[in-house]
PDB file of N, CA and C in Angstrom:
ATOM      1  N   MET A   1     -23.429 -12.391  33.580  1.00  0.00           N
ATOM      2  CA  MET A   1     -23.786 -12.012  32.319  1.00  0.00           C
ATOM      3  C   MET A   1     -24.303 -10.668  32.390  1.00  0.00           C
ATOM      4  N   MET A   2     -24.003  -9.776  31.449  1.00  0.00           N
ATOM      5  CA  MET A   2     -24.409  -8.532  31.361  1.00  0.00           C
ATOM      6  C   MET A   2     -25.980  -8.300  30.619  1.00  0.00           C
ATOM      7  N   LYS A   3     -26.734  -7.513  31.159  1.00  0.00           N
ATOM      8  CA  LYS A   3     -28.012  -7.301  30.280  1.00  0.00           C
ATOM      9  C   LYS A   3     -27.786  -6.097  29.300  1.00  0.00           C
ATOM     10  N   PRO A   4     -28.526  -6.077  28.446  1.00  0.00           N
ATOM     11  CA  PRO A   4     -28.283  -5.162  27.165  1.00  0.00           C
ATOM     12  C   PRO A   4     -28.431  -3.687  27.804  1.00  0.00           C
ATOM     13  N   THR A   5     -29.033  -3.476  28.777  1.00  0.00           N
ATOM     14  CA  THR A   5     -29.362  -2.209  29.369  1.00  0.00           C
ATOM     15  C   THR A   5     -28.125  -1.725  30.295  1.00  0.00           C
ATOM     16  N   ASP A   6     -27.231  -2.683  30.555  1.00  0.00           N
ATOM     17  CA  ASP A   6     -26.108  -2.291  31.464  1.00  0.00           C
ATOM     18  C   ASP A   6     -25.062  -1.683  30.684  1.00  0.00           C
ATOM     19  N   LYS A   7     -24.441  -0.680  31.284  1.00  0.00           N
ATOM     20  CA  LYS A   7     -23.126   0.070  30.625  1.00  0.00           C
ATOM     21  C   LYS A   7     -22.115  -0.497  31.220  1.00  0.00           C
ATOM     22  N   PRO A   8     -21.105  -0.650  30.078  1.00  0.00           N
ATOM     23  CA  PRO A   8     -19.703  -1.213  30.618  1.00  0.00           C
ATOM     24  C   PRO A   8     -19.105  -0.139  31.375  1.00  0.00           C
ATOM     25  N   ALA A   9     -18.304  -0.504  32.500  1.00  0.00           N
ATOM     26  CA  ALA A   9     -17.516   0.284  33.427  1.00  0.00           C
ATOM     27  C   ALA A   9     -16.418   1.326  32.554  1.00  0.00           C
ATOM     28  N   PRO A  10     -16.400   2.470  32.860  1.00  0.00           N
ATOM     29  CA  PRO A  10     -15.531   3.297  32.034  1.00  0.00           C
ATOM     30  C   PRO A  10     -14.051   2.888  32.301  1.00  0.00           C
ATOM     31  N   VAL A  11     -13.144   3.080  31.377  1.00  0.00           N
ATOM     32  CA  VAL A  11     -11.769   2.796  31.587  1.00  0.00           C
ATOM     33  C   VAL A  11     -11.105   3.940  32.212  1.00  0.00           C
ATOM     34  N   ARG A  12     -10.493   3.389  33.401  1.00  0.00           N
ATOM     35  CA  ARG A  12      -9.636   4.678  34.050  1.00  0.00           C
ATOM     36  C   ARG A  12      -8.292   4.624  33.414  1.00  0.00           C
ATOM     37  N   ARG A  13      -7.748   5.849  33.009  1.00  0.00           N
ATOM     38  CA  ARG A  13      -6.514   5.937  32.593  1.00  0.00           C
ATOM     39  C   ARG A  13      -5.670   6.864  33.366  1.00  0.00           C
ATOM     40  N   PRO A  14      -4.263   6.831  33.466  1.00  0.00           N
ATOM     41  CA  PRO A  14      -3.653   7.879  34.153  1.00  0.00           C
ATOM     42  C   PRO A  14      -3.763   9.358  33.506  1.00  0.00           C
ATOM     43  N   TRP A  15      -3.602  10.216  34.281  1.00  0.00           N
ATOM     44  CA  TRP A  15      -3.998  11.615  33.842  1.00  0.00           C
ATOM     45  C   TRP A  15      -2.939  11.963  32.734  1.00  0.00           C
ATOM     46  N   TRP A  16      -2.068  11.383  32.506  1.00  0.00           N
ATOM     47  CA  TRP A  16      -1.112  11.874  31.409  1.00  0.00           C
ATOM     48  C   TRP A  16      -1.610  11.221  30.034  1.00  0.00           C
ATOM     49  N   ARG A  17      -2.478  10.425  30.209  1.00  0.00           N
ATOM     50  CA  ARG A  17      -2.975   9.712  28.941  1.00  0.00           C
ATOM     51  C   ARG A  17      -4.228  10.400  28.443  1.00  0.00           C
ATOM     52  N   GLU A  18      -4.738  11.431  29.203  1.00  0.00           N
ATOM     53  CA  GLU A  18      -5.890  12.246  28.691  1.00  0.00           C
ATOM     54  C   GLU A  18      -5.742  13.355  27.872  1.00  0.00           C
ATOM     55  N   PRO A  19      -6.139  13.338  26.765  1.00  0.00           N
ATOM     56  CA  PRO A  19      -5.728  14.325  25.643  1.00  0.00           C
ATOM     57  C   PRO A  19      -6.175  15.704  26.407  1.00  0.00           C
ATOM     58  N   MET A  20      -7.224  15.879  27.011  1.00  0.00           N
ATOM     59  CA  MET A  20      -7.595  17.232  27.518  1.00  0.00           C
ATOM     60  C   MET A  20      -6.563  17.832  28.366  1.00  0.00           C
ATOM     61  N   VAL A  21      -5.898  17.107  29.168  1.00  0.00           N
ATOM     62  CA  VAL A  21      -4.937  17.507  30.076  1.00  0.00           C
ATOM     63  C   VAL A  21      -3.771  18.135  29.193  1.00  0.00           C
ATOM     64  N   TRP A  22      -3.270  17.652  28.263  1.00  0.00           N
ATOM     65  CA  TRP A  22      -2.064  18.221  27.343  1.00  0.00           C
ATOM     66  C   TRP A  22      -2.849  19.509  26.833  1.00  0.00           C
ATOM     67  N   LEU A  23      -4.002  19.770  26.396  1.00  0.00           N
ATOM     68  CA  LEU A  23      -4.667  20.943  25.962  1.00  0.00           C
ATOM     69  C   LEU A  23      -4.426  22.058  26.925  1.00  0.00           C
ATOM     70  N   VAL A  24      -4.881  21.628  28.299  1.00  0.00           N
ATOM     71  CA  VAL A  24      -4.893  22.623  29.279  1.00  0.00           C
ATOM     72  C   VAL A  24      -3.357  23.036  29.689  1.00  0.00           C
ATOM     73  N   ILE A  25      -2.275  22.037  29.611  1.00  0.00           N
ATOM     74  CA  ILE A  25      -1.188  22.503  30.086  1.00  0.00           C
ATOM     75  C   ILE A  25      -0.291  22.857  29.067  1.00  0.00           C
ATOM     76  N   GLY A  26      -0.577  22.476  27.659  1.00  0.00           N
ATOM     77  CA  GLY A  26       0.090  22.982  26.449  1.00  0.00           C
ATOM     78  C   GLY A  26       0.218  24.552  26.056  1.00  0.00           C
ATOM     79  N   GLY A  27      -1.228  25.108  26.365  1.00  0.00           N
ATOM     80  CA  GLY A  27      -1.296  26.345  26.128  1.00  0.00           C
ATOM     81  C   GLY A  27      -0.432  27.334  26.948  1.00  0.00           C
ATOM     82  N   PRO A  28      -0.597  27.298  28.205  1.00  0.00           N
ATOM     83  CA  PRO A  28       0.379  28.287  29.159  1.00  0.00           C
ATOM     84  C   PRO A  28       1.683  27.848  28.965  1.00  0.00           C
ATOM     85  N   ALA A  29       2.027  26.584  28.765  1.00  0.00           N
ATOM     86  CA  ALA A  29       3.521  26.065  28.554  1.00  0.00           C
ATOM     87  C   ALA A  29       4.030  26.707  27.328  1.00  0.00           C
ATOM     88  N   THR A  30       3.163  26.997  26.169  1.00  0.00           N
ATOM     89  CA  THR A  30       3.674  27.537  25.054  1.00  0.00           C
ATOM     90  C   THR A  30       4.079  29.091  25.130  1.00  0.00           C
ATOM     91  N   VAL A  31       3.092  29.586  26.001  1.00  0.00           N
ATOM     92  CA  VAL A  31       3.264  31.056  26.195  1.00  0.00           C
ATOM     93  C   VAL A  31       4.374  31.392  27.091  1.00  0.00           C
ATOM     94  N   VAL A  32       4.828  30.497  28.050  1.00  0.00           N
ATOM     95  CA  VAL A  32       5.920  30.690  28.763  1.00  0.00           C
ATOM     96  C   VAL A  32       7.153  30.537  28.006  1.00  0.00           C
ATOM     97  N   VAL A  33       7.220  29.560  27.082  1.00  0.00           N
ATOM     98  CA  VAL A  33       8.378  29.448  26.358  1.00  0.00           C
ATOM     99  C   VAL A  33       8.385  30.567  25.264  1.00  0.00           C
ATOM    100  N   ALA A  34       7.403  30.902  24.834  1.00  0.00           N
ATOM    101  CA  ALA A  34       7.578  32.214  23.883  1.00  0.00           C
ATOM    102  C   ALA A  34       8.015  33.241  24.628  1.00  0.00           C
ATOM    103  N   ALA A  35       7.548  33.589  25.642  1.00  0.00           N
ATOM    104  CA  ALA A  35       7.925  34.766  26.281  1.00  0.00           C
ATOM    105  C   ALA A  35       9.573  34.740  26.818  1.00  0.00           C
ATOM    106  N   ILE A  36       9.977  33.498  27.172  1.00  0.00           N
ATOM    107  CA  ILE A  36      11.483  33.401  27.363  1.00  0.00           C
ATOM    108  C   ILE A  36      12.194  33.550  26.251  1.00  0.00           C
ATOM    109  N   ALA A  37      11.886  33.067  25.096  1.00  0.00           N
ATOM    110  CA  ALA A  37      12.547  33.108  23.833  1.00  0.00           C
ATOM    111  C   ALA A  37      12.555  34.669  23.187  1.00  0.00           C
ATOM    112  N   THR A  38      11.328  35.285  23.509  1.00  0.00           N
ATOM    113  CA  THR A  38      11.372  36.780  23.237  1.00  0.00           C
ATOM    114  C   THR A  38      12.254  37.603  24.146  1.00  0.00           C
ATOM    115  N   GLY A  39      12.244  37.325  25.492  1.00  0.00           N
ATOM    116  CA  GLY A  39      13.296  37.959  26.213  1.00  0.00           C
ATOM    117  C   GLY A  39      14.680  37.834  25.777  1.00  0.00           C
ATOM    118  N   ILE A  40      14.991  36.606  25.530  1.00  0.00           N
ATOM    119  CA  ILE A  40      16.412  36.411  25.138  1.00  0.00           C
ATOM    120  C   ILE A  40      16.774  37.056  23.813  1.00  0.00           C
ATOM    121  N   VAL A  41      15.838  37.139  23.018  1.00  0.00           N
ATOM    122  CA  VAL A  41      16.045  37.910  21.742  1.00  0.00           C
ATOM    123  C   VAL A  41      16.187  39.418  21.974  1.00  0.00           C
ATOM    124  N   ALA A  42      15.330  39.907  22.794  1.00  0.00           N
ATOM    125  CA  ALA A  42      15.384  41.380  23.206  1.00  0.00           C
ATOM    126  C   ALA A  42      16.531  41.780  23.839  1.00  0.00           C
ATOM    127  N   TRP A  43      17.142  40.869  24.755  1.00  0.00           N
ATOM    128  CA  TRP A  43      18.253  41.170  25.344  1.00  0.00           C
ATOM    129  C   TRP A  43      19.456  41.072  24.744  1.00  0.00           C
ATOM    130  N   ARG A  44      19.556  40.123  23.850  1.00  0.00           N
ATOM    131  CA  ARG A  44      20.820  39.948  22.885  1.00  0.00           C
ATOM    132  C   ARG A  44      20.697  40.967  21.797  1.00  0.00           C
ATOM    133  N   GLY A  45      19.569  41.392  21.168  1.00  0.00           N
ATOM    134  CA  GLY A  45      19.589  42.292  20.240  1.00  0.00           C
ATOM    135  C   GLY A  45      19.258  43.733  20.480  1.00  0.00           C
ATOM    136  N   ALA A  46      19.451  44.106  21.774  1.00  0.00           N
ATOM    137  CA  ALA A  46      19.226  45.457  22.289  1.00  0.00           C
ATOM    138  C   ALA A  46      19.936  46.581  21.656  1.00  0.00           C
ATOM    139  N   ASP A  47      19.236  47.665  21.235  1.00  0.00           N
ATOM    140  CA  ASP A  47      20.118  48.640  20.589  1.00  0.00           C
ATOM    141  C   ASP A  47      21.015  49.432  21.567  1.00  0.00           C
ATOM    142  N   PRO A  48      22.243  50.057  21.130  1.00  0.00           N
ATOM    143  CA  PRO A  48      22.860  50.730  22.082  1.00  0.00           C
ATOM    144  C   PRO A  48      22.260  52.107  22.397  1.00  0.00           C
ATOM    145  N   LEU A  49      22.508  52.538  23.614  1.00  0.00           N
ATOM    146  CA  LEU A  49      21.876  53.730  24.049  1.00  0.00           C
ATOM    147  C   LEU A  49      22.598  54.961  23.293  1.00  0.00           C
ATOM    148  N   VAL A  50      21.743  55.886  23.150  1.00  0.00           N
ATOM    149  CA  VAL A  50      22.253  57.148  22.452  1.00  0.00           C
ATOM    150  C   VAL A  50      22.472  58.310  23.551  1.00  0.00           C
ATOM    151  N   LEU A  51      23.676  58.494  23.937  1.00  0.00           N
ATOM    152  CA  LEU A  51      23.986  59.244  24.934  1.00  0.00           C
ATOM    153  C   LEU A  51      24.184  60.776  24.642  1.00  0.00           C
ATOM    154  N   ASP A  52      24.539  61.048  23.349  1.00  0.00           N
ATOM    155  CA  ASP A  52      24.669  62.225  22.689  1.00  0.00           C
ATOM    156  C   ASP A  52      23.679  62.434  21.455  1.00  0.00           C
ATOM    157  N   ALA A  53      22.713  63.070  21.588  1.00  0.00           N
ATOM    158  CA  ALA A  53      21.914  63.325  20.267  1.00  0.00           C
ATOM    159  C   ALA A  53      22.416  64.171  19.391  1.00  0.00           C
ATOM    160  N   PRO A  54      22.514  63.932  18.105  1.00  0.00           N
ATOM    161  CA  PRO A  54      23.122  64.967  17.238  1.00  0.00           C
ATOM    162  C   PRO A  54      22.152  66.099  17.273  1.00  0.00           C
ATOM    163  N   ALA A  55      22.739  67.121  17.063  1.00  0.00           N
ATOM    164  CA  ALA A  55      21.864  68.628  16.803  1.00  0.00           C
ATOM    165  C   ALA A  55      21.594  68.830  15.520  1.00  0.00           C
ATOM    166  N   VAL A  56      20.397  69.215  15.220  1.00  0.00           N
ATOM    167  CA  VAL A  56      19.969  69.688  13.850  1.00  0.00           C
ATOM    168  C   VAL A  56      19.922  71.260  13.962  1.00  0.00           C
ATOM    169  N   SER A  57      21.027  71.661  13.205  1.00  0.00           N
ATOM    170  CA  SER A  57      20.813  73.181  13.176  1.00  0.00           C
ATOM    171  C   SER A  57      20.432  73.789  11.972  1.00  0.00           C
ATOM    172  N   ALA A  58      20.378  72.924  10.833  1.00  0.00           N
ATOM    173  CA  ALA A  58      19.890  73.625   9.643  1.00  0.00           C
ATOM    174  C   ALA A  58      18.456  73.489   9.548  1.00  0.00           C
ATOM    175  N   PRO A  59      17.710  74.397   8.954  1.00  0.00           N
ATOM    176  CA  PRO A  59      16.207  74.358   8.831  1.00  0.00           C
ATOM    177  C   PRO A  59      15.871  73.185   7.874  1.00  0.00           C
ATOM    178  N   PRO A  60      14.724  72.533   7.926  1.00  0.00           N
ATOM    179  CA  PRO A  60      14.274  71.546   7.210  1.00  0.00           C
ATOM    180  C   PRO A  60      14.052  71.974   5.655  1.00  0.00           C
ATOM    181  N   SER A  61      14.298  70.936   4.795  1.00  0.00           N
ATOM    182  CA  SER A  61      14.194  71.538   3.121  1.00  0.00           C
ATOM    183  C   SER A  61      12.785  71.587   2.980  1.00  0.00           C
ATOM    184  N   ASN A  62      12.046  70.921   3.802  1.00  0.00           N
ATOM    185  CA  ASN A  62      10.564  70.934   3.317  1.00  0.00           C
ATOM    186  C   ASN A  62       9.804  71.911   4.476  1.00  0.00           C
ATOM    187  N   PRO A  63       9.293  73.070   4.446  1.00  0.00           N
ATOM    188  CA  PRO A  63       8.794  73.773   5.582  1.00  0.00           C
ATOM    189  C   PRO A  63       7.530  73.042   6.342  1.00  0.00           C
ATOM    190  N   ALA A  64       6.877  72.114   5.607  1.00  0.00           N
ATOM    191  CA  ALA A  64       5.783  71.388   6.410  1.00  0.00           C
ATOM    192  C   ALA A  64       6.165  70.457   7.231  1.00  0.00           C
ATOM    193  N   LEU A  65       7.450  69.952   7.099  1.00  0.00           N
ATOM    194  CA  LEU A  65       7.994  69.086   8.228  1.00  0.00           C
ATOM    195  C   LEU A  65       8.545  69.668   9.484  1.00  0.00           C
ATOM    196  N   ALA A  66       8.519  70.970   9.366  1.00  0.00           N
ATOM    197  CA  ALA A  66       9.128  71.828  10.624  1.00  0.00           C
ATOM    198  C   ALA A  66       8.655  71.266  12.026  1.00  0.00           C
ATOM    199  N   PRO A  67       7.187  71.306  12.032  1.00  0.00           N
ATOM    200  CA  PRO A  67       6.673  70.785  13.415  1.00  0.00           C
ATOM    201  C   PRO A  67       6.995  69.344  13.723  1.00  0.00           C
ATOM    202  N   ALA A  68       7.092  68.482  12.785  1.00  0.00           N
ATOM    203  CA  ALA A  68       7.395  67.133  13.177  1.00  0.00           C
ATOM    204  C   ALA A  68       8.957  66.986  13.475  1.00  0.00           C
ATOM    205  N   LEU A  69       9.891  67.709  12.880  1.00  0.00           N
ATOM    206  CA  LEU A  69      11.123  67.755  13.248  1.00  0.00           C
ATOM    207  C   LEU A  69      11.301  68.390  14.566  1.00  0.00           C
ATOM    208  N   THR A  70      10.679  69.530  15.001  1.00  0.00           N
ATOM    209  CA  THR A  70      10.888  70.123  16.288  1.00  0.00           C
ATOM    210  C   THR A  70      10.454  69.191  17.260  1.00  0.00           C
ATOM    211  N   ALA A  71       9.255  68.437  17.038  1.00  0.00           N
ATOM    212  CA  ALA A  71       8.639  67.497  18.284  1.00  0.00           C
ATOM    213  C   ALA A  71       9.839  66.422  18.299  1.00  0.00           C
ATOM    214  N   ARG A  72      10.323  66.055  17.098  1.00  0.00           N
ATOM    215  CA  ARG A  72      11.211  64.767  17.312  1.00  0.00           C
ATOM    216  C   ARG A  72      12.496  65.178  18.155  1.00  0.00           C
ATOM    217  N   ASN A  73      13.042  66.355  17.792  1.00  0.00           N
ATOM    218  CA  ASN A  73      14.160  66.854  18.421  1.00  0.00           C
ATOM    219  C   ASN A  73      13.958  67.137  19.884  1.00  0.00           C
ATOM    220  N   HIS A  74      12.558  67.703  20.283  1.00  0.00           N
ATOM    221  CA  HIS A  74      12.235  67.839  21.658  1.00  0.00           C
ATOM    222  C   HIS A  74      12.310  66.617  22.283  1.00  0.00           C
ATOM    223  N   ALA A  75      11.765  65.469  21.690  1.00  0.00           N
ATOM    224  CA  ALA A  75      11.708  64.253  22.309  1.00  0.00           C
ATOM    225  C   ALA A  75      13.062  63.441  22.648  1.00  0.00           C
ATOM    226  N   ALA A  76      14.108  63.906  21.736  1.00  0.00           N
ATOM    227  CA  ALA A  76      15.493  63.202  21.757  1.00  0.00           C
ATOM    228  C   ALA A  76      16.206  63.936  22.617  1.00  0.00           C
ATOM    229  N   THR A  77      15.840  65.298  23.114  1.00  0.00           N
ATOM    230  CA  THR A  77      16.755  66.000  24.201  1.00  0.00           C
ATOM    231  C   THR A  77      16.732  65.657  25.527  1.00  0.00           C
ATOM    232  N   PRO A  78      17.604  65.411  26.290  1.00  0.00           N
ATOM    233  CA  PRO A  78      17.478  65.086  27.798  1.00  0.00           C
ATOM    234  C   PRO A  78      16.822  66.203  28.585  1.00  0.00           C
ATOM    235  N   HIS A  79      16.034  65.935  29.320  1.00  0.00           N
ATOM    236  CA  HIS A  79      15.368  67.091  30.002  1.00  0.00           C
ATOM    237  C   HIS A  79      15.978  67.608  31.395  1.00  0.00           C
TER     238      HIS A  79
END
């Protein structure tokens, strides 16, 4: 017979029945699945390489854009 001060024995459950285990495993597992999905999307939807950059010979219509266009063209040319 149990006394009123006695505590019942804790119920032992298998590890996969514990909710906290799935929180600990679920977070990293979700990140791994998302990273693989992102890699697949990036691989299949990759833009083609631009091997021959178009030359811009005409001056810009707006002189205020000249520094930006010059920097863009410099960044696009092979070194």
